[in-house]
Amino acid sequence: MPGRQTNLRIASMYAILTSLVASLVAAATKYLTGMMDASVVVCIQYLICLFTLTPWMAKVGLPGLATQVPRHHLIRGVAGWACFYTYYLAIGNIPLVDASLLRNTAPICVPFFAYLLFRNRISLLGMVGIGLGFAGVLFILKPEGASFSLWHGIGFLSGVTLAVSMIYTRELAQSEPSNRILFYYFLISLLLSTPLALLNFTAIPLLAWPALLFVGFSIFITMKLYNHAYAHAPANSIAPLTYFGVVFAGLLGWLFWDHVPDGKSLGGMILIILGGVLAIMAKPAAEQSRVPKS
């Protein structure tokens, strides 16, 4: 089946909306992890997400679930679950902006994984955009005076696994319908989440349920936007736009936790946005230079 036509404008809109919703979910998760283990949040999240697909599953039946690329679904599912689990662990133990920044190292990882896995390349202008975005991340993190912890390492792991998820989402979107991609992702993630959630389960406070429901349904919306974004453009062309999530996280941190960005942080945000704009302008060389994987 031929791939879908590339449209960077539409893909960029979906990517920015994805970052906004994801940042709201991160804020809700930081609130929830103060009351329960991150594994319980992840499990309930995927249970709700899978439930949202019930009408579609009833409509298409088993024939609609059949796939010719189970390996791609498995890799995407494991990577997506690992991304959220490590991200939520980090959110519960380090500031929201730090966790968001570390997760948003994914666009830097994408070109390398895309090249190693599928021999995709990216244009020079795109690499400049990614470089500026990474410089912005370093500005905000202020590594010369920051202490490194295990939780920061786990936060970085969320960025690495997100990069793998981005790449395989793009690959799956070339031949698989959006709901089928989501079904296998939610199912695999729920299966991986359940044992950890059972081991760490405690009574859930009544006040936590509105936030849990919000996280669950919002993740479904985020995944829909995410799939649409990568169905319209290759991962290494629009991945830098996820840096906008850092800006949104900074604003939420200021509104709810009184974390006011300093001059370096604001400078970093400007670099991040500039890098994203340059990446949008970059010619998607990966589309032209792609070598099929043997």
Protein backbone atom coordinates (compact mmCIF):
# COMPACT_ATOMS: atom_id res chain seq x y z
CA MET A 1 0.00 0.00 0.00
CA PRO A 2 1.51 3.39 -0.90
CA GLY A 3 2.39 5.79 1.90
CA ARG A 4 0.21 8.77 2.70
CA GLN A 5 1.11 12.15 1.22
CA THR A 6 3.40 14.34 3.33
CA ASN A 7 1.81 17.57 4.59
CA LEU A 8 4.04 19.38 7.09
CA ARG A 9 1.51 22.11 7.88
CA ILE A 10 -1.17 19.66 9.00
CA ALA A 11 1.38 17.46 10.76
CA SER A 12 2.77 20.48 12.65
CA MET A 13 -0.68 21.48 13.87
CA TYR A 14 -1.33 17.98 15.21
CA ALA A 15 2.13 17.82 16.81
CA ILE A 16 1.69 21.11 18.71
CA LEU A 17 -1.78 20.11 19.91
CA THR A 18 -0.30 16.81 21.05
CA SER A 19 2.31 18.66 23.12
CA LEU A 20 -0.32 20.87 24.74
CA VAL A 21 -2.58 18.00 25.77
CA ALA A 22 0.40 15.93 26.92
CA SER A 23 1.59 18.79 29.14
CA LEU A 24 -1.83 19.02 30.80
CA VAL A 25 -1.72 15.28 31.39
CA ALA A 26 1.76 15.59 32.91
CA ALA A 27 0.52 18.20 35.38
CA ALA A 28 -2.41 15.97 36.36
CA THR A 29 -0.03 13.03 36.75
CA LYS A 30 2.29 14.98 39.04
CA TYR A 31 -0.74 15.61 41.23
CA LEU A 32 -1.74 11.92 41.15
CA THR A 33 1.70 10.47 41.90
CA GLY A 34 1.58 12.29 45.20
CA MET A 35 -1.26 9.93 46.19
CA MET A 36 -0.42 6.63 44.46
CA ASP A 37 2.33 4.72 42.67
CA ALA A 38 3.05 5.68 39.06
CA SER A 39 2.39 2.10 37.91
CA VAL A 40 -1.23 2.35 39.11
CA VAL A 41 -1.73 5.59 37.15
CA VAL A 42 -0.27 4.00 34.01
CA CYS A 43 -2.43 0.88 34.32
CA ILE A 44 -5.70 2.76 34.85
CA GLN A 45 -4.76 5.11 32.03
CA TYR A 46 -4.40 2.27 29.52
CA LEU A 47 -7.50 0.50 30.79
CA ILE A 48 -9.53 3.64 30.08
CA CYS A 49 -7.85 4.07 26.71
CA LEU A 50 -8.66 0.51 25.66
CA PHE A 51 -12.26 1.01 26.82
CA THR A 52 -12.61 4.02 24.51
CA LEU A 53 -11.98 1.69 21.56
CA THR A 54 -14.78 -0.72 22.51
CA PRO A 55 -17.30 0.64 19.95
CA TRP A 56 -14.71 0.37 17.18
CA MET A 57 -13.73 -3.18 18.21
CA ALA A 58 -17.38 -4.25 18.23
CA LYS A 59 -17.84 -2.76 14.76
CA VAL A 60 -14.80 -4.28 13.00
CA GLY A 61 -14.62 -7.58 14.88
CA LEU A 62 -11.65 -9.93 14.60
CA PRO A 63 -11.07 -9.23 10.88
CA GLY A 64 -10.51 -5.57 11.70
CA LEU A 65 -7.82 -6.47 14.25
CA ALA A 66 -5.79 -8.63 11.85
CA THR A 67 -2.38 -7.19 11.06
CA GLN A 68 0.51 -8.07 8.78
CA VAL A 69 3.09 -6.26 10.94
CA PRO A 70 2.83 -7.71 14.48
CA ARG A 71 6.53 -7.08 15.15
CA HIS A 72 6.12 -3.35 14.51
CA HIS A 73 3.11 -3.22 16.83
CA LEU A 74 5.03 -5.06 19.55
CA ILE A 75 8.04 -2.75 19.39
CA ARG A 76 5.83 0.32 19.29
CA GLY A 77 3.73 -0.93 22.20
CA VAL A 78 6.69 -1.79 24.45
CA ALA A 79 8.44 1.49 23.64
CA GLY A 80 5.29 3.55 24.22
CA TRP A 81 4.59 1.86 27.55
CA ALA A 82 8.21 2.28 28.69
CA CYS A 83 8.08 5.96 27.72
CA PHE A 84 5.01 6.69 29.84
CA TYR A 85 6.09 4.57 32.81
CA THR A 86 9.56 6.13 33.06
CA TYR A 87 8.11 9.60 32.41
CA TYR A 88 5.57 9.25 35.21
CA LEU A 89 8.25 7.93 37.58
CA ALA A 90 10.35 10.99 36.79
CA ILE A 91 7.41 13.39 37.16
CA GLY A 92 6.79 12.10 40.67
CA ASN A 93 10.38 12.70 41.77
CA ILE A 94 11.76 15.72 39.88
CA PRO A 95 10.28 19.08 38.79
CA LEU A 96 7.74 18.97 35.95
CA VAL A 97 9.91 21.08 33.64
CA ASP A 98 12.93 18.80 34.17
CA ALA A 99 10.88 15.71 33.36
CA SER A 100 9.41 17.39 30.29
CA LEU A 101 12.84 18.49 29.07
CA LEU A 102 14.32 15.02 29.46
CA ARG A 103 11.38 13.43 27.66
CA ASN A 104 11.84 15.98 24.90
CA THR A 105 15.30 14.73 24.12
CA ALA A 106 13.39 12.32 21.86
CA PRO A 107 13.67 14.56 18.76
CA ILE A 108 17.44 14.48 19.15
CA CYS A 109 17.38 10.67 19.31
CA VAL A 110 14.95 10.22 16.41
CA PRO A 111 17.34 10.96 13.51
CA PHE A 112 19.91 8.50 14.84
CA PHE A 113 17.42 5.71 15.44
CA ALA A 114 15.73 6.42 12.10
CA TYR A 115 19.08 6.12 10.35
CA LEU A 116 20.11 2.97 12.22
CA LEU A 117 16.76 1.22 11.75
CA PHE A 118 15.60 2.42 8.35
CA ARG A 119 18.53 4.37 6.84
CA ASN A 120 16.46 7.58 6.92
CA ARG A 121 18.36 10.85 6.54
CA ILE A 122 17.51 14.41 7.45
CA SER A 123 18.43 17.67 5.71
CA LEU A 124 21.10 20.06 6.97
CA LEU A 125 18.52 22.70 7.92
CA GLY A 126 16.62 20.09 9.88
CA MET A 127 19.78 19.16 11.75
CA VAL A 128 20.37 22.85 12.56
CA GLY A 129 16.83 23.05 13.96
CA ILE A 130 17.42 20.00 16.12
CA GLY A 131 20.74 21.45 17.28
CA LEU A 132 19.12 24.72 18.33
CA GLY A 133 16.39 22.81 20.15
CA PHE A 134 18.96 20.76 22.04
CA ALA A 135 20.88 23.95 22.92
CA GLY A 136 17.64 25.35 24.35
CA VAL A 137 17.20 22.24 26.48
CA LEU A 138 20.74 22.62 27.84
CA PHE A 139 20.08 26.30 28.60
CA ILE A 140 17.04 25.44 30.72
CA LEU A 141 18.65 22.49 32.49
CA LYS A 142 21.71 24.61 33.42
CA PRO A 143 23.94 21.50 33.62
CA GLU A 144 26.95 23.38 35.00
CA GLY A 145 25.21 23.82 38.35
CA ALA A 146 22.63 21.06 38.34
CA SER A 147 22.90 17.81 40.27
CA PHE A 148 22.23 14.57 38.45
CA SER A 149 20.09 11.86 40.02
CA LEU A 150 18.79 8.43 39.16
CA TRP A 151 15.38 10.02 38.49
CA HIS A 152 16.90 12.32 35.88
CA GLY A 153 18.39 9.25 34.20
CA ILE A 154 14.98 7.61 34.18
CA GLY A 155 13.55 10.79 32.70
CA PHE A 156 16.09 10.62 29.88
CA LEU A 157 15.12 6.99 29.26
CA SER A 158 11.58 8.21 28.60
CA GLY A 159 13.00 10.36 25.80
CA VAL A 160 14.91 7.46 24.26
CA THR A 161 11.89 5.16 24.26
CA LEU A 162 9.65 7.94 22.95
CA ALA A 163 11.99 8.30 19.96
CA VAL A 164 11.55 4.61 19.13
CA SER A 165 7.78 4.96 19.52
CA MET A 166 7.76 7.96 17.15
CA ILE A 167 9.62 6.09 14.44
CA TYR A 168 7.47 2.97 14.57
CA THR A 169 4.28 5.03 14.69
CA ARG A 170 5.31 6.57 11.38
CA GLU A 171 6.07 3.14 9.92
CA LEU A 172 2.76 1.68 11.06
CA ALA A 173 0.80 4.69 9.79
CA GLN A 174 1.87 3.88 6.23
CA SER A 175 -0.26 0.73 6.13
CA GLU A 176 -2.33 0.44 9.31
CA PRO A 177 -5.49 2.39 10.27
CA SER A 178 -5.20 4.68 13.27
CA ASN A 179 -7.54 2.71 15.54
CA ARG A 180 -5.72 -0.56 14.92
CA ILE A 181 -2.42 1.07 15.86
CA LEU A 182 -4.02 2.40 19.05
CA PHE A 183 -5.66 -0.94 19.88
CA TYR A 184 -2.40 -2.88 19.89
CA TYR A 185 -0.57 -0.09 21.68
CA PHE A 186 -3.18 0.11 24.46
CA LEU A 187 -3.48 -3.68 24.74
CA ILE A 188 0.27 -4.33 24.93
CA SER A 189 0.74 -1.48 27.40
CA LEU A 190 -2.12 -2.68 29.61
CA LEU A 191 -0.64 -6.19 29.72
CA LEU A 192 2.73 -4.77 30.72
CA SER A 193 1.24 -2.38 33.29
CA THR A 194 -1.04 -4.76 35.18
CA PRO A 195 1.55 -6.83 37.13
CA LEU A 196 3.34 -3.72 38.44
CA ALA A 197 0.05 -2.04 39.32
CA LEU A 198 -1.10 -5.08 41.31
CA LEU A 199 2.17 -5.16 43.23
CA ASN A 200 1.95 -1.46 44.13
CA PHE A 201 -1.81 -1.03 44.46
CA THR A 202 -3.26 0.92 47.38
CA ALA A 203 -6.73 2.33 47.95
CA ILE A 204 -7.41 5.17 45.50
CA PRO A 205 -8.71 8.35 47.17
CA LEU A 206 -12.05 9.57 45.89
CA LEU A 207 -10.54 12.95 45.03
CA ALA A 208 -8.08 11.27 42.66
CA TRP A 209 -10.70 9.83 40.29
CA PRO A 210 -11.47 13.01 38.30
CA ALA A 211 -7.77 13.44 37.53
CA LEU A 212 -7.41 9.73 36.71
CA LEU A 213 -10.32 9.88 34.27
CA PHE A 214 -8.89 13.03 32.73
CA VAL A 215 -5.49 11.37 32.25
CA GLY A 216 -7.04 8.25 30.74
CA PHE A 217 -9.28 9.97 28.21
CA SER A 218 -6.72 12.66 27.45
CA ILE A 219 -4.10 10.06 26.57
CA PHE A 220 -6.54 8.58 24.04
CA ILE A 221 -6.93 12.05 22.49
CA THR A 222 -3.16 12.57 22.56
CA MET A 223 -2.53 9.27 20.81
CA LYS A 224 -5.06 10.11 18.10
CA LEU A 225 -3.36 13.46 17.49
CA TYR A 226 0.04 11.79 17.64
CA ASN A 227 -0.90 9.19 15.04
CA HIS A 228 -2.36 11.83 12.74
CA ALA A 229 0.81 13.93 13.02
CA TYR A 230 3.12 11.10 12.03
CA ALA A 231 0.77 9.90 9.33
CA HIS A 232 1.26 13.24 7.54
CA ALA A 233 5.03 13.64 7.90
CA PRO A 234 8.13 11.60 8.80
CA ALA A 235 9.20 11.48 12.43
CA ASN A 236 12.50 13.30 11.94
CA SER A 237 10.77 16.20 10.16
CA ILE A 238 8.28 17.16 12.89
CA ALA A 239 9.75 15.57 16.02
CA PRO A 240 11.38 18.89 17.11
CA LEU A 241 7.89 20.33 17.56
CA THR A 242 7.52 18.25 20.69
CA TYR A 243 9.86 20.83 22.26
CA PHE A 244 6.79 23.03 22.56
CA GLY A 245 5.80 20.70 25.39
CA VAL A 246 8.68 22.16 27.40
CA VAL A 247 7.20 25.64 27.04
CA PHE A 248 3.75 24.41 28.05
CA ALA A 249 5.21 22.53 31.03
CA GLY A 250 7.02 25.70 32.12
CA LEU A 251 3.79 27.68 32.02
CA LEU A 252 1.93 25.00 33.99
CA GLY A 253 4.75 24.83 36.52
CA TRP A 254 4.46 28.58 37.00
CA LEU A 255 0.65 28.50 37.31
CA PHE A 256 0.32 25.55 39.70
CA TRP A 257 3.70 25.18 41.46
CA ASP A 258 4.95 28.78 41.34
CA HIS A 259 8.06 27.83 39.35
CA VAL A 260 9.08 31.08 37.62
CA PRO A 261 11.53 30.63 34.69
CA ASP A 262 14.72 32.69 34.91
CA GLY A 263 16.52 34.43 32.03
CA LYS A 264 18.31 31.27 30.94
CA SER A 265 15.08 29.32 30.89
CA LEU A 266 13.34 31.93 28.77
CA GLY A 267 16.30 32.00 26.40
CA GLY A 268 16.14 28.24 26.14
CA MET A 269 12.45 28.34 25.30
CA ILE A 270 13.15 30.82 22.49
CA LEU A 271 15.83 28.53 21.06
CA ILE A 272 13.46 25.59 21.28
CA ILE A 273 10.73 27.38 19.33
CA LEU A 274 13.25 28.66 16.75
CA GLY A 275 14.59 25.16 16.30
CA GLY A 276 11.09 23.84 15.76
CA VAL A 277 10.32 26.48 13.13
CA LEU A 278 13.53 25.68 11.24
CA ALA A 279 12.68 21.99 11.34
CA ILE A 280 9.27 22.74 9.78
CA MET A 281 10.99 24.69 7.00
CA ALA A 282 13.53 21.93 6.39
CA LYS A 283 13.04 19.83 3.30
CA PRO A 284 12.12 16.30 4.41
CA ALA A 285 15.22 14.65 2.99
CA ALA A 286 14.31 11.39 4.70
CA GLU A 287 11.36 11.03 2.34
CA GLN A 288 13.70 11.21 -0.66
CA SER A 289 16.71 9.33 0.63
CA ARG A 290 15.00 6.48 2.40
CA VAL A 291 16.48 3.04 1.75
CA PRO A 292 14.11 0.14 2.47
CA LYS A 293 15.22 -2.05 5.31
CA SER A 294 16.33 -5.50 4.18
